[in-house]
Amino acid sequence: MIVGFASGPIPSIPLNLALLKGCQIVGVIWGGAWQHDPGLKQSVHSELMQLLATGKIRPQVTSVLPLAQAADALSLLAERRIVGKIALRVT
């Protein structure tokens, strides 16, 4: 499922990759979905939090920085020096 892209051009996907991997490529307009069903956003969030709590998904957090370094975190993202996620610590 392709939900969206953070920036830049939309990537091209070689269609033979889907065929060889035996998968489907589905585009989703997320904003339109939750506007049509306002409860969907909360439902999806709750399910994601449950998957996270049970360890079924494990986000790759590369770096944890204090909130005071938010500008540094944005620079790391802009310079594409991060693989995974940056978490900002607010305490």
PDB file of N, CA and C in Angstrom:
ATOM      1  N   MET A   1       0.840  -1.150   0.000  1.00  0.00           N
ATOM      2  CA  MET A   1       0.000   0.000   0.000  1.00  0.00           C
ATOM      3  C   MET A   1       0.894   1.225   0.000  1.00  0.00           C
ATOM      4  N   ILE A   2       0.637   2.115  -0.886  1.00  0.00           N
ATOM      5  CA  ILE A   2       1.395   3.356  -0.984  1.00  0.00           C
ATOM      6  C   ILE A   2       0.502   4.470  -0.471  1.00  0.00           C
ATOM      7  N   VAL A   3       0.919   5.113   0.622  1.00  0.00           N
ATOM      8  CA  VAL A   3       0.091   6.150   1.223  1.00  0.00           C
ATOM      9  C   VAL A   3       0.533   7.532   0.749  1.00  0.00           C
ATOM     10  N   GLY A   4       1.800   7.777   0.641  1.00  0.00           N
ATOM     11  CA  GLY A   4       2.253   9.097   0.213  1.00  0.00           C
ATOM     12  C   GLY A   4       3.761   9.186   0.277  1.00  0.00           C
ATOM     13  N   PHE A   5       4.261  10.357  -0.068  1.00  0.00           N
ATOM     14  CA  PHE A   5       5.699  10.584  -0.108  1.00  0.00           C
ATOM     15  C   PHE A   5       6.005  11.895   0.604  1.00  0.00           C
ATOM     16  N   ALA A   6       7.089  11.924   1.354  1.00  0.00           N
ATOM     17  CA  ALA A   6       7.425  13.101   2.150  1.00  0.00           C
ATOM     18  C   ALA A   6       7.838  14.284   1.279  1.00  0.00           C
ATOM     19  N   SER A   7       8.586  14.034   0.228  1.00  0.00           N
ATOM     20  CA  SER A   7       9.031  15.139  -0.612  1.00  0.00           C
ATOM     21  C   SER A   7       9.616  14.592  -1.897  1.00  0.00           C
ATOM     22  N   GLY A   8       9.866  15.489  -2.814  1.00  0.00           N
ATOM     23  CA  GLY A   8      10.499  15.119  -4.072  1.00  0.00           C
ATOM     24  C   GLY A   8       9.535  14.474  -5.040  1.00  0.00           C
ATOM     25  N   PRO A   9      10.080  14.015  -6.151  1.00  0.00           N
ATOM     26  CA  PRO A   9       9.223  13.399  -7.168  1.00  0.00           C
ATOM     27  C   PRO A   9       8.686  12.049  -6.706  1.00  0.00           C
ATOM     28  N   ILE A  10       7.541  11.694  -7.225  1.00  0.00           N
ATOM     29  CA  ILE A  10       6.969  10.385  -6.918  1.00  0.00           C
ATOM     30  C   ILE A  10       7.842   9.328  -7.589  1.00  0.00           C
ATOM     31  N   PRO A  11       8.321   8.351  -6.826  1.00  0.00           N
ATOM     32  CA  PRO A  11       9.216   7.345  -7.401  1.00  0.00           C
ATOM     33  C   PRO A  11       8.523   6.473  -8.453  1.00  0.00           C
ATOM     34  N   SER A  12       9.305   6.038  -9.427  1.00  0.00           N
ATOM     35  CA  SER A  12       8.820   5.077 -10.412  1.00  0.00           C
ATOM     36  C   SER A  12       9.090   3.677  -9.880  1.00  0.00           C
ATOM     37  N   ILE A  13       8.156   2.796 -10.100  1.00  0.00           N
ATOM     38  CA  ILE A  13       8.298   1.421  -9.624  1.00  0.00           C
ATOM     39  C   ILE A  13       8.305   0.497 -10.832  1.00  0.00           C
ATOM     40  N   PRO A  14       9.351  -0.306 -11.005  1.00  0.00           N
ATOM     41  CA  PRO A  14       9.343  -1.260 -12.117  1.00  0.00           C
ATOM     42  C   PRO A  14       8.209  -2.272 -11.914  1.00  0.00           C
ATOM     43  N   LEU A  15       7.291  -2.358 -12.839  1.00  0.00           N
ATOM     44  CA  LEU A  15       6.123  -3.220 -12.679  1.00  0.00           C
ATOM     45  C   LEU A  15       6.473  -4.699 -12.635  1.00  0.00           C
ATOM     46  N   ASN A  16       7.596  -5.072 -13.247  1.00  0.00           N
ATOM     47  CA  ASN A  16       7.975  -6.483 -13.176  1.00  0.00           C
ATOM     48  C   ASN A  16       8.329  -6.887 -11.744  1.00  0.00           C
ATOM     49  N   LEU A  17       8.701  -5.936 -10.900  1.00  0.00           N
ATOM     50  CA  LEU A  17       9.007  -6.235  -9.510  1.00  0.00           C
ATOM     51  C   LEU A  17       7.773  -6.781  -8.789  1.00  0.00           C
ATOM     52  N   ALA A  18       6.618  -6.160  -9.018  1.00  0.00           N
ATOM     53  CA  ALA A  18       5.380  -6.658  -8.404  1.00  0.00           C
ATOM     54  C   ALA A  18       5.065  -8.066  -8.904  1.00  0.00           C
ATOM     55  N   LEU A  19       5.277  -8.294 -10.181  1.00  0.00           N
ATOM     56  CA  LEU A  19       5.005  -9.607 -10.762  1.00  0.00           C
ATOM     57  C   LEU A  19       5.947 -10.664 -10.179  1.00  0.00           C
ATOM     58  N   LEU A  20       7.236 -10.363 -10.136  1.00  0.00           N
ATOM     59  CA  LEU A  20       8.216 -11.333  -9.647  1.00  0.00           C
ATOM     60  C   LEU A  20       8.074 -11.604  -8.155  1.00  0.00           C
ATOM     61  N   LYS A  21       7.680 -10.602  -7.384  1.00  0.00           N
ATOM     62  CA  LYS A  21       7.521 -10.770  -5.938  1.00  0.00           C
ATOM     63  C   LYS A  21       6.134 -11.276  -5.565  1.00  0.00           C
ATOM     64  N   GLY A  22       5.233 -11.343  -6.553  1.00  0.00           N
ATOM     65  CA  GLY A  22       3.884 -11.823  -6.287  1.00  0.00           C
ATOM     66  C   GLY A  22       3.114 -10.895  -5.363  1.00  0.00           C
ATOM     67  N   CYS A  23       3.234  -9.591  -5.575  1.00  0.00           N
ATOM     68  CA  CYS A  23       2.556  -8.643  -4.700  1.00  0.00           C
ATOM     69  C   CYS A  23       1.694  -7.687  -5.514  1.00  0.00           C
ATOM     70  N   GLN A  24       0.916  -6.894  -4.809  1.00  0.00           N
ATOM     71  CA  GLN A  24       0.059  -5.902  -5.431  1.00  0.00           C
ATOM     72  C   GLN A  24       0.523  -4.518  -5.012  1.00  0.00           C
ATOM     73  N   ILE A  25       0.311  -3.559  -5.876  1.00  0.00           N
ATOM     74  CA  ILE A  25       0.618  -2.168  -5.570  1.00  0.00           C
ATOM     75  C   ILE A  25      -0.707  -1.418  -5.562  1.00  0.00           C
ATOM     76  N   VAL A  26      -1.021  -0.813  -4.417  1.00  0.00           N
ATOM     77  CA  VAL A  26      -2.289  -0.116  -4.261  1.00  0.00           C
ATOM     78  C   VAL A  26      -2.010   1.287  -3.748  1.00  0.00           C
ATOM     79  N   GLY A  27      -2.520   2.296  -4.423  1.00  0.00           N
ATOM     80  CA  GLY A  27      -2.392   3.674  -3.965  1.00  0.00           C
ATOM     81  C   GLY A  27      -3.593   4.058  -3.125  1.00  0.00           C
ATOM     82  N   VAL A  28      -3.357   4.852  -2.100  1.00  0.00           N
ATOM     83  CA  VAL A  28      -4.423   5.244  -1.185  1.00  0.00           C
ATOM     84  C   VAL A  28      -4.374   6.753  -0.979  1.00  0.00           C
ATOM     85  N   ILE A  29      -5.514   7.398  -1.072  1.00  0.00           N
ATOM     86  CA  ILE A  29      -5.603   8.814  -0.725  1.00  0.00           C
ATOM     87  C   ILE A  29      -6.072   8.874   0.725  1.00  0.00           C
ATOM     88  N   TRP A  30      -5.127   8.927   1.649  1.00  0.00           N
ATOM     89  CA  TRP A  30      -5.418   8.809   3.069  1.00  0.00           C
ATOM     90  C   TRP A  30      -6.307   9.950   3.558  1.00  0.00           C
ATOM     91  N   GLY A  31      -6.006  11.165   3.159  1.00  0.00           N
ATOM     92  CA  GLY A  31      -6.805  12.301   3.612  1.00  0.00           C
ATOM     93  C   GLY A  31      -8.264  12.150   3.224  1.00  0.00           C
ATOM     94  N   GLY A  32      -8.531  11.694   2.020  1.00  0.00           N
ATOM     95  CA  GLY A  32      -9.901  11.489   1.579  1.00  0.00           C
ATOM     96  C   GLY A  32     -10.594  10.394   2.360  1.00  0.00           C
ATOM     97  N   ALA A  33      -9.850   9.367   2.738  1.00  0.00           N
ATOM     98  CA  ALA A  33     -10.441   8.239   3.474  1.00  0.00           C
ATOM     99  C   ALA A  33     -10.918   8.679   4.848  1.00  0.00           C
ATOM    100  N   TRP A  34     -10.089   9.398   5.588  1.00  0.00           N
ATOM    101  CA  TRP A  34     -10.511   9.764   6.944  1.00  0.00           C
ATOM    102  C   TRP A  34     -11.489  10.919   6.953  1.00  0.00           C
ATOM    103  N   GLN A  35     -11.544  11.704   5.887  1.00  0.00           N
ATOM    104  CA  GLN A  35     -12.581  12.737   5.814  1.00  0.00           C
ATOM    105  C   GLN A  35     -13.940  12.087   5.560  1.00  0.00           C
ATOM    106  N   HIS A  36     -13.935  11.007   4.786  1.00  0.00           N
ATOM    107  CA  HIS A  36     -15.175  10.273   4.510  1.00  0.00           C
ATOM    108  C   HIS A  36     -15.666   9.535   5.752  1.00  0.00           C
ATOM    109  N   ASP A  37     -14.725   9.004   6.552  1.00  0.00           N
ATOM    110  CA  ASP A  37     -15.064   8.251   7.758  1.00  0.00           C
ATOM    111  C   ASP A  37     -14.234   8.813   8.913  1.00  0.00           C
ATOM    112  N   PRO A  38     -14.742   9.830   9.629  1.00  0.00           N
ATOM    113  CA  PRO A  38     -13.956  10.489  10.677  1.00  0.00           C
ATOM    114  C   PRO A  38     -13.434   9.542  11.758  1.00  0.00           C
ATOM    115  N   GLY A  39     -14.100   8.435  12.028  1.00  0.00           N
ATOM    116  CA  GLY A  39     -13.641   7.495  13.041  1.00  0.00           C
ATOM    117  C   GLY A  39     -12.482   6.637  12.583  1.00  0.00           C
ATOM    118  N   LEU A  40     -12.219   6.617  11.284  1.00  0.00           N
ATOM    119  CA  LEU A  40     -11.164   5.772  10.733  1.00  0.00           C
ATOM    120  C   LEU A  40      -9.796   6.137  11.281  1.00  0.00           C
ATOM    121  N   LYS A  41      -9.521   7.419  11.393  1.00  0.00           N
ATOM    122  CA  LYS A  41      -8.212   7.867  11.860  1.00  0.00           C
ATOM    123  C   LYS A  41      -7.938   7.321  13.266  1.00  0.00           C
ATOM    124  N   GLN A  42      -8.895   7.441  14.182  1.00  0.00           N
ATOM    125  CA  GLN A  42      -8.723   6.940  15.544  1.00  0.00           C
ATOM    126  C   GLN A  42      -8.600   5.427  15.559  1.00  0.00           C
ATOM    127  N   SER A  43      -9.396   4.748  14.739  1.00  0.00           N
ATOM    128  CA  SER A  43      -9.357   3.290  14.679  1.00  0.00           C
ATOM    129  C   SER A  43      -7.986   2.797  14.219  1.00  0.00           C
ATOM    130  N   VAL A  44      -7.462   3.403  13.165  1.00  0.00           N
ATOM    131  CA  VAL A  44      -6.146   3.015  12.642  1.00  0.00           C
ATOM    132  C   VAL A  44      -5.063   3.312  13.678  1.00  0.00           C
ATOM    133  N   HIS A  45      -5.160   4.462  14.329  1.00  0.00           N
ATOM    134  CA  HIS A  45      -4.172   4.817  15.347  1.00  0.00           C
ATOM    135  C   HIS A  45      -4.186   3.804  16.493  1.00  0.00           C
ATOM    136  N   SER A  46      -5.378   3.434  16.951  1.00  0.00           N
ATOM    137  CA  SER A  46      -5.490   2.456  18.035  1.00  0.00           C
ATOM    138  C   SER A  46      -4.888   1.113  17.636  1.00  0.00           C
ATOM    139  N   GLU A  47      -5.164   0.684  16.419  1.00  0.00           N
ATOM    140  CA  GLU A  47      -4.617  -0.597  15.955  1.00  0.00           C
ATOM    141  C   GLU A  47      -3.099  -0.547  15.845  1.00  0.00           C
ATOM    142  N   LEU A  48      -2.565   0.579  15.348  1.00  0.00           N
ATOM    143  CA  LEU A  48      -1.110   0.718  15.261  1.00  0.00           C
ATOM    144  C   LEU A  48      -0.465   0.704  16.640  1.00  0.00           C
ATOM    145  N   MET A  49      -1.092   1.371  17.610  1.00  0.00           N
ATOM    146  CA  MET A  49      -0.549   1.385  18.964  1.00  0.00           C
ATOM    147  C   MET A  49      -0.572  -0.018  19.581  1.00  0.00           C
ATOM    148  N   GLN A  50      -1.598  -0.805  19.263  1.00  0.00           N
ATOM    149  CA  GLN A  50      -1.669  -2.182  19.757  1.00  0.00           C
ATOM    150  C   GLN A  50      -0.560  -3.032  19.120  1.00  0.00           C
ATOM    151  N   LEU A  51      -0.340  -2.865  17.827  1.00  0.00           N
ATOM    152  CA  LEU A  51       0.738  -3.600  17.156  1.00  0.00           C
ATOM    153  C   LEU A  51       2.095  -3.227  17.740  1.00  0.00           C
ATOM    154  N   LEU A  52       2.267  -1.948  18.046  1.00  0.00           N
ATOM    155  CA  LEU A  52       3.514  -1.484  18.644  1.00  0.00           C
ATOM    156  C   LEU A  52       3.696  -2.073  20.043  1.00  0.00           C
ATOM    157  N   ALA A  53       2.630  -2.047  20.838  1.00  0.00           N
ATOM    158  CA  ALA A  53       2.706  -2.555  22.219  1.00  0.00           C
ATOM    159  C   ALA A  53       3.003  -4.048  22.271  1.00  0.00           C
ATOM    160  N   THR A  54       2.510  -4.804  21.299  1.00  0.00           N
ATOM    161  CA  THR A  54       2.731  -6.251  21.297  1.00  0.00           C
ATOM    162  C   THR A  54       4.016  -6.644  20.571  1.00  0.00           C
ATOM    163  N   GLY A  55       4.737  -5.659  20.037  1.00  0.00           N
ATOM    164  CA  GLY A  55       5.998  -5.945  19.362  1.00  0.00           C
ATOM    165  C   GLY A  55       5.852  -6.477  17.952  1.00  0.00           C
ATOM    166  N   LYS A  56       4.648  -6.425  17.399  1.00  0.00           N
ATOM    167  CA  LYS A  56       4.444  -6.922  16.037  1.00  0.00           C
ATOM    168  C   LYS A  56       5.008  -5.972  14.991  1.00  0.00           C
ATOM    169  N   ILE A  57       5.145  -4.705  15.355  1.00  0.00           N
ATOM    170  CA  ILE A  57       5.873  -3.757  14.510  1.00  0.00           C
ATOM    171  C   ILE A  57       6.925  -3.093  15.385  1.00  0.00           C
ATOM    172  N   ARG A  58       8.068  -2.828  14.799  1.00  0.00           N
ATOM    173  CA  ARG A  58       9.160  -2.203  15.532  1.00  0.00           C
ATOM    174  C   ARG A  58       9.778  -1.109  14.669  1.00  0.00           C
ATOM    175  N   PRO A  59       9.347   0.134  14.857  1.00  0.00           N
ATOM    176  CA  PRO A  59       9.910   1.220  14.052  1.00  0.00           C
ATOM    177  C   PRO A  59      11.418   1.325  14.275  1.00  0.00           C
ATOM    178  N   GLN A  60      12.123   1.610  13.224  1.00  0.00           N
ATOM    179  CA  GLN A  60      13.570   1.759  13.313  1.00  0.00           C
ATOM    180  C   GLN A  60      13.878   3.192  13.726  1.00  0.00           C
ATOM    181  N   VAL A  61      14.168   3.385  15.003  1.00  0.00           N
ATOM    182  CA  VAL A  61      14.529   4.707  15.515  1.00  0.00           C
ATOM    183  C   VAL A  61      16.044   4.800  15.489  1.00  0.00           C
ATOM    184  N   THR A  62      16.560   5.657  14.618  1.00  0.00           N
ATOM    185  CA  THR A  62      18.002   5.803  14.443  1.00  0.00           C
ATOM    186  C   THR A  62      18.610   6.684  15.508  1.00  0.00           C
ATOM    187  N   SER A  63      17.848   7.710  15.911  1.00  0.00           N
ATOM    188  CA  SER A  63      18.409   8.702  16.816  1.00  0.00           C
ATOM    189  C   SER A  63      17.307   9.279  17.690  1.00  0.00           C
ATOM    190  N   VAL A  64      17.649   9.562  18.941  1.00  0.00           N
ATOM    191  CA  VAL A  64      16.742  10.248  19.862  1.00  0.00           C
ATOM    192  C   VAL A  64      17.442  11.525  20.303  1.00  0.00           C
ATOM    193  N   LEU A  65      16.810  12.656  20.029  1.00  0.00           N
ATOM    194  CA  LEU A  65      17.409  13.949  20.360  1.00  0.00           C
ATOM    195  C   LEU A  65      16.474  14.724  21.281  1.00  0.00           C
ATOM    196  N   PRO A  66      17.028  15.609  22.112  1.00  0.00           N
ATOM    197  CA  PRO A  66      16.156  16.464  22.921  1.00  0.00           C
ATOM    198  C   PRO A  66      15.415  17.450  22.016  1.00  0.00           C
ATOM    199  N   LEU A  67      14.243  17.886  22.462  1.00  0.00           N
ATOM    200  CA  LEU A  67      13.431  18.803  21.678  1.00  0.00           C
ATOM    201  C   LEU A  67      14.209  20.057  21.285  1.00  0.00           C
ATOM    202  N   ALA A  68      15.123  20.467  22.127  1.00  0.00           N
ATOM    203  CA  ALA A  68      15.935  21.657  21.831  1.00  0.00           C
ATOM    204  C   ALA A  68      16.768  21.487  20.561  1.00  0.00           C
ATOM    205  N   GLN A  69      16.982  20.251  20.121  1.00  0.00           N
ATOM    206  CA  GLN A  69      17.766  19.990  18.906  1.00  0.00           C
ATOM    207  C   GLN A  69      16.876  19.645  17.714  1.00  0.00           C
ATOM    208  N   ALA A  70      15.638  20.101  17.741  1.00  0.00           N
ATOM    209  CA  ALA A  70      14.713  19.818  16.639  1.00  0.00           C
ATOM    210  C   ALA A  70      15.251  20.349  15.310  1.00  0.00           C
ATOM    211  N   ALA A  71      15.890  21.506  15.325  1.00  0.00           N
ATOM    212  CA  ALA A  71      16.455  22.057  14.088  1.00  0.00           C
ATOM    213  C   ALA A  71      17.550  21.142  13.549  1.00  0.00           C
ATOM    214  N   ASP A  72      18.358  20.576  14.442  1.00  0.00           N
ATOM    215  CA  ASP A  72      19.403  19.627  14.016  1.00  0.00           C
ATOM    216  C   ASP A  72      18.771  18.386  13.403  1.00  0.00           C
ATOM    217  N   ALA A  73      17.677  17.912  14.000  1.00  0.00           N
ATOM    218  CA  ALA A  73      16.982  16.736  13.479  1.00  0.00           C
ATOM    219  C   ALA A  73      16.463  17.005  12.071  1.00  0.00           C
ATOM    220  N   LEU A  74      15.888  18.181  11.861  1.00  0.00           N
ATOM    221  CA  LEU A  74      15.402  18.532  10.521  1.00  0.00           C
ATOM    222  C   LEU A  74      16.546  18.611   9.516  1.00  0.00           C
ATOM    223  N   SER A  75      17.691  19.117   9.952  1.00  0.00           N
ATOM    224  CA  SER A  75      18.856  19.169   9.057  1.00  0.00           C
ATOM    225  C   SER A  75      19.315  17.769   8.670  1.00  0.00           C
ATOM    226  N   LEU A  76      19.347  16.851   9.641  1.00  0.00           N
ATOM    227  CA  LEU A  76      19.738  15.467   9.345  1.00  0.00           C
ATOM    228  C   LEU A  76      18.789  14.849   8.320  1.00  0.00           C
ATOM    229  N   LEU A  77      17.491  15.117   8.479  1.00  0.00           N
ATOM    230  CA  LEU A  77      16.515  14.601   7.511  1.00  0.00           C
ATOM    231  C   LEU A  77      16.713  15.241   6.140  1.00  0.00           C
ATOM    232  N   ALA A  78      16.865  16.558   6.110  1.00  0.00           N
ATOM    233  CA  ALA A  78      17.018  17.270   4.835  1.00  0.00           C
ATOM    234  C   ALA A  78      18.264  16.815   4.087  1.00  0.00           C
ATOM    235  N   GLU A  79      19.317  16.509   4.830  1.00  0.00           N
ATOM    236  CA  GLU A  79      20.582  16.077   4.220  1.00  0.00           C
ATOM    237  C   GLU A  79      20.601  14.577   3.947  1.00  0.00           C
ATOM    238  N   ARG A  80      19.499  13.890   4.240  1.00  0.00           N
ATOM    239  CA  ARG A  80      19.366  12.452   4.015  1.00  0.00           C
ATOM    240  C   ARG A  80      20.476  11.662   4.706  1.00  0.00           C
ATOM    241  N   ARG A  81      20.780  12.062   5.951  1.00  0.00           N
ATOM    242  CA  ARG A  81      21.810  11.368   6.723  1.00  0.00           C
ATOM    243  C   ARG A  81      21.200  10.412   7.739  1.00  0.00           C
ATOM    244  N   ILE A  82      19.886  10.229   7.701  1.00  0.00           N
ATOM    245  CA  ILE A  82      19.198   9.364   8.654  1.00  0.00           C
ATOM    246  C   ILE A  82      18.515   8.220   7.903  1.00  0.00           C
ATOM    247  N   VAL A  83      18.693   7.021   8.401  1.00  0.00           N
ATOM    248  CA  VAL A  83      17.938   5.874   7.928  1.00  0.00           C
ATOM    249  C   VAL A  83      17.011   5.495   9.075  1.00  0.00           C
ATOM    250  N   GLY A  84      15.714   5.470   8.842  1.00  0.00           N
ATOM    251  CA  GLY A  84      14.772   5.206   9.920  1.00  0.00           C
ATOM    252  C   GLY A  84      14.164   6.500  10.419  1.00  0.00           C
ATOM    253  N   LYS A  85      13.953   6.578  11.710  1.00  0.00           N
ATOM    254  CA  LYS A  85      13.245   7.702  12.317  1.00  0.00           C
ATOM    255  C   LYS A  85      14.118   8.436  13.310  1.00  0.00           C
ATOM    256  N   ILE A  86      13.817   9.712  13.499  1.00  0.00           N
ATOM    257  CA  ILE A  86      14.397  10.496  14.587  1.00  0.00           C
ATOM    258  C   ILE A  86      13.267  10.765  15.565  1.00  0.00           C
ATOM    259  N   ALA A  87      13.512  10.496  16.829  1.00  0.00           N
ATOM    260  CA  ALA A  87      12.528  10.802  17.860  1.00  0.00           C
ATOM    261  C   ALA A  87      13.019  12.019  18.641  1.00  0.00           C
ATOM    262  N   LEU A  88      12.094  12.919  18.953  1.00  0.00           N
ATOM    263  CA  LEU A  88      12.423  14.077  19.783  1.00  0.00           C
ATOM    264  C   LEU A  88      11.901  13.820  21.186  1.00  0.00           C
ATOM    265  N   ARG A  89      12.775  13.951  22.147  1.00  0.00           N
ATOM    266  CA  ARG A  89      12.433  13.735  23.563  1.00  0.00           C
ATOM    267  C   ARG A  89      11.980  15.075  24.151  1.00  0.00           C
ATOM    268  N   VAL A  90      10.773  15.108  24.722  1.00  0.00           N
ATOM    269  CA  VAL A  90      10.230  16.370  25.216  1.00  0.00           C
ATOM    270  C   VAL A  90      10.484  16.597  26.707  1.00  0.00           C
ATOM    271  N   THR A  91      11.014  15.615  27.396  1.00  0.00           N
ATOM    272  CA  THR A  91      11.304  15.802  28.839  1.00  0.00           C
ATOM    273  C   THR A  91      12.760  16.013  29.067  1.00  0.00           C
TER     274      THR A  91
END
